Protein backbone atom coordinates (compact mmCIF):
# COMPACT_ATOMS: atom_id res chain seq x y z
CA MET A 1 0.01 0.02 -0.02
CA ARG A 2 1.45 3.29 -1.02
CA LEU A 3 1.65 6.10 1.45
CA GLY A 4 0.06 9.41 0.45
CA ARG A 5 2.11 12.53 0.14
CA GLU A 6 0.93 13.87 3.55
CA GLU A 7 1.76 10.61 5.25
CA LYS A 8 5.25 10.57 3.78
CA ARG A 9 5.76 14.16 4.91
CA ARG A 10 4.56 13.26 8.43
CA ASP A 11 6.80 10.19 8.58
CA GLU A 12 9.79 12.19 7.41
CA PHE A 13 9.10 14.92 9.98
CA GLU A 14 8.71 12.41 12.82
CA GLY A 15 11.87 10.68 11.83
CA LEU A 16 13.79 13.95 12.02
CA LEU A 17 12.08 15.25 15.18
CA LEU A 18 11.93 12.21 17.43
CA PRO A 19 15.71 11.96 18.17
CA HIS A 20 15.62 15.61 19.44
CA LEU A 21 12.32 15.59 21.35
CA ASP A 22 13.81 15.02 24.80
CA ALA A 23 16.42 17.72 24.30
CA LEU A 24 13.78 20.12 23.03
CA TYR A 25 11.54 19.44 26.01
CA GLY A 26 14.47 19.87 28.44
CA THR A 27 15.37 23.19 26.89
CA ALA A 28 11.73 24.36 26.87
CA LEU A 29 11.47 23.34 30.58
CA ARG A 30 14.63 25.26 31.47
CA LEU A 31 13.41 28.33 29.59
CA THR A 32 9.87 28.40 31.00
CA ARG A 33 10.55 26.79 34.36
CA SER A 34 7.07 25.20 34.19
CA PRO A 35 6.24 21.69 32.84
CA GLN A 36 2.91 22.79 31.45
CA GLU A 37 4.37 25.86 29.71
CA ALA A 38 7.21 23.77 28.39
CA GLU A 39 4.81 21.29 26.88
CA ASP A 40 2.80 24.14 25.29
CA LEU A 41 5.95 25.72 23.99
CA LEU A 42 7.20 22.48 22.54
CA GLN A 43 3.84 21.78 20.94
CA ASP A 44 3.78 25.21 19.36
CA ALA A 45 7.36 24.76 18.06
CA CYS A 46 6.54 21.29 16.63
CA LEU A 47 3.40 22.50 14.88
CA LYS A 48 5.25 25.50 13.35
CA ALA A 49 8.08 23.22 12.26
CA TYR A 50 5.66 20.79 10.64
CA ARG A 51 3.72 23.59 9.02
CA PHE A 52 6.96 25.04 7.52
CA MET A 53 8.68 21.79 6.85
CA ASP A 54 8.94 22.80 3.15
CA ARG A 55 11.36 25.57 4.26
CA TYR A 56 13.76 23.08 5.88
CA GLU A 57 16.66 22.33 3.59
CA ARG A 58 17.15 18.56 3.56
CA GLY A 59 20.65 17.49 4.52
CA THR A 60 21.26 20.51 6.79
CA ASN A 61 21.27 20.49 10.58
CA PHE A 62 17.67 19.72 11.54
CA LYS A 63 18.47 20.02 15.28
CA ALA A 64 19.61 23.64 14.85
CA TRP A 65 16.57 24.36 12.68
CA ILE A 66 14.04 23.05 15.19
CA PHE A 67 15.81 24.70 18.11
CA LYS A 68 15.64 27.99 16.36
CA ILE A 69 11.88 27.52 15.95
CA LEU A 70 11.64 26.67 19.65
CA THR A 71 13.61 29.74 20.75
CA ASN A 72 11.62 31.99 18.43
CA ALA A 73 8.38 30.60 19.89
CA PHE A 74 9.76 31.21 23.41
CA HIS A 75 10.64 34.85 22.56
CA SER A 76 7.18 35.38 21.10
CA ARG A 77 5.56 33.97 24.27
CA TYR A 78 7.95 35.96 26.49
CA ARG A 79 7.04 39.24 24.77
CA LYS A 80 3.33 38.41 24.97
CA ASN A 81 3.66 37.62 28.68
CA GLN A 82 5.50 40.89 29.33
CA ARG A 83 2.69 42.80 27.59
CA GLU A 84 0.10 40.93 29.72
CA ARG A 85 2.09 41.71 32.95
CA GLU A 86 2.33 45.34 31.98
CA LEU A 87 -1.43 45.50 31.34
CA ARG A 88 -2.10 43.73 34.68
CA ARG A 89 0.19 46.29 36.41
CA ARG A 90 -1.59 49.15 34.86
CA VAL A 91 -4.95 47.76 35.91
CA GLU A 92 -3.69 47.18 39.47
CA ASP A 93 -2.29 50.69 39.58
CA GLY A 94 -5.64 52.06 38.37
CA GLY A 95 -7.55 49.92 40.90
CA HIS A 96 -9.77 48.33 38.25
CA GLN A 97 -10.86 44.92 39.49
CA ALA A 98 -7.30 43.68 39.52
CA HIS A 99 -8.28 40.50 41.31
CA VAL A 100 -9.83 39.19 38.11
CA LEU A 101 -6.71 39.64 36.02
CA ALA A 102 -4.35 38.54 38.83
CA GLN A 103 -6.03 35.22 39.21
CA GLY A 104 -4.40 32.50 37.29
CA PRO A 105 -3.77 28.80 37.49
CA THR A 106 -2.11 27.81 40.73
CA ARG A 107 1.19 25.97 40.67
CA GLU A 108 0.59 22.28 41.00
CA ALA A 109 2.88 19.82 42.75
CA GLN A 110 6.24 19.29 41.04
CA SER A 111 5.93 16.90 38.09
CA ALA A 112 8.10 13.89 37.32
CA GLU A 113 9.87 15.81 34.56
CA GLU A 114 10.69 18.76 36.93
CA ARG A 115 12.01 16.31 39.55
CA ALA A 116 14.19 14.64 36.92
CA LEU A 117 15.54 18.02 35.89
CA ASP A 118 16.26 18.85 39.53
CA HIS A 119 18.53 15.82 39.69
CA LEU A 120 20.46 16.99 36.69
CA MET A 121 21.18 20.45 38.03
CA SER A 122 21.79 21.58 41.55
CA GLU A 123 19.20 23.91 43.07
CA ASP A 124 21.78 26.72 43.28
CA ILE A 125 22.51 26.41 39.57
CA GLN A 126 18.82 26.28 38.63
CA ALA A 127 18.07 29.31 40.78
CA ALA A 128 20.93 31.31 39.37
CA LEU A 129 20.07 30.32 35.81
CA GLY A 130 16.52 31.41 36.43
CA GLN A 131 17.72 34.83 37.42
CA LEU A 132 19.50 35.46 34.13
CA PRO A 133 17.83 37.50 31.39
CA ALA A 134 16.14 35.25 28.82
CA ASP A 135 18.75 35.74 26.07
CA PHE A 136 21.60 35.00 28.42
CA ARG A 137 19.88 31.97 29.88
CA MET A 138 19.14 30.68 26.37
CA ALA A 139 22.76 31.02 25.29
CA VAL A 140 23.95 29.10 28.35
CA ILE A 141 21.42 26.34 27.85
CA LEU A 142 22.16 25.98 24.17
CA SER A 143 25.92 25.96 24.76
CA ASP A 144 26.46 24.20 28.04
CA VAL A 145 23.47 21.83 28.19
CA GLU A 146 22.65 21.15 24.51
CA GLU A 147 26.25 21.49 23.41
CA PHE A 148 25.61 23.54 20.27
CA SER A 149 28.54 25.31 18.65
CA TYR A 150 28.81 29.11 18.71
CA LYS A 151 27.90 29.20 15.04
CA GLU A 152 24.81 26.99 15.64
CA ILE A 153 23.73 29.07 18.61
CA ALA A 154 24.15 32.25 16.50
CA GLU A 155 21.84 30.71 13.85
CA ILE A 156 19.30 29.64 16.46
CA MET A 157 19.28 32.94 18.28
CA ASP A 158 19.59 34.90 15.01
CA CYS A 159 22.56 37.02 16.07
CA PRO A 160 26.28 37.22 15.28
CA VAL A 161 28.71 34.75 16.71
CA GLY A 162 30.44 37.55 18.59
CA THR A 163 27.11 38.33 20.35
CA VAL A 164 26.78 34.68 21.35
CA MET A 165 30.33 34.70 22.76
CA SER A 166 29.65 37.96 24.65
CA ARG A 167 26.36 36.69 26.04
CA LEU A 168 27.96 33.48 27.17
CA PHE A 169 30.92 35.30 28.80
CA ARG A 170 28.56 37.72 30.60
CA ALA A 171 26.09 35.03 31.59
CA ARG A 172 28.80 32.84 33.02
CA ARG A 173 30.19 35.77 35.02
CA MET A 174 26.70 36.51 36.30
CA LEU A 175 26.26 32.84 37.23
CA GLN A 176 29.54 32.90 39.16
CA GLY A 177 28.34 35.96 41.05
CA LEU A 178 25.08 34.36 41.86
């Protein structure tokens, strides 16, 4: 039985994605610091990657390509969350029924994934990493955890290699201080 075009595309995508799924989830978890947000971020990135699979150049570094999509999705969410926090702050400053906007889902007990991540990194390192600005945290995660080269990180973060090196240097100094 011959596979249809869409089934072939899906099989190819899954074959390329599956070897990197754990690393993508781990990075998403480190960036968001929330298992639910990490899952949502990963799902968004995978959907975008599948949707734009025709833009992926076969034979090139799929891992770098999918990580770039993940980091772009994170930045989009981060900016959106900042706008929402700013709106919430304005409402609170204005006294307009802030309790409605301030209510959100409560943090649930730590998940198995979060506990596994805790075992991989000491609490001090996790806390310090969480205090870094997002671009610095991302550079450290991509370099020291995911072991991407400076050139790959530059492609993923869409910045020059020199900027990657600078962010890593500054982030590591911040981590030492923390």
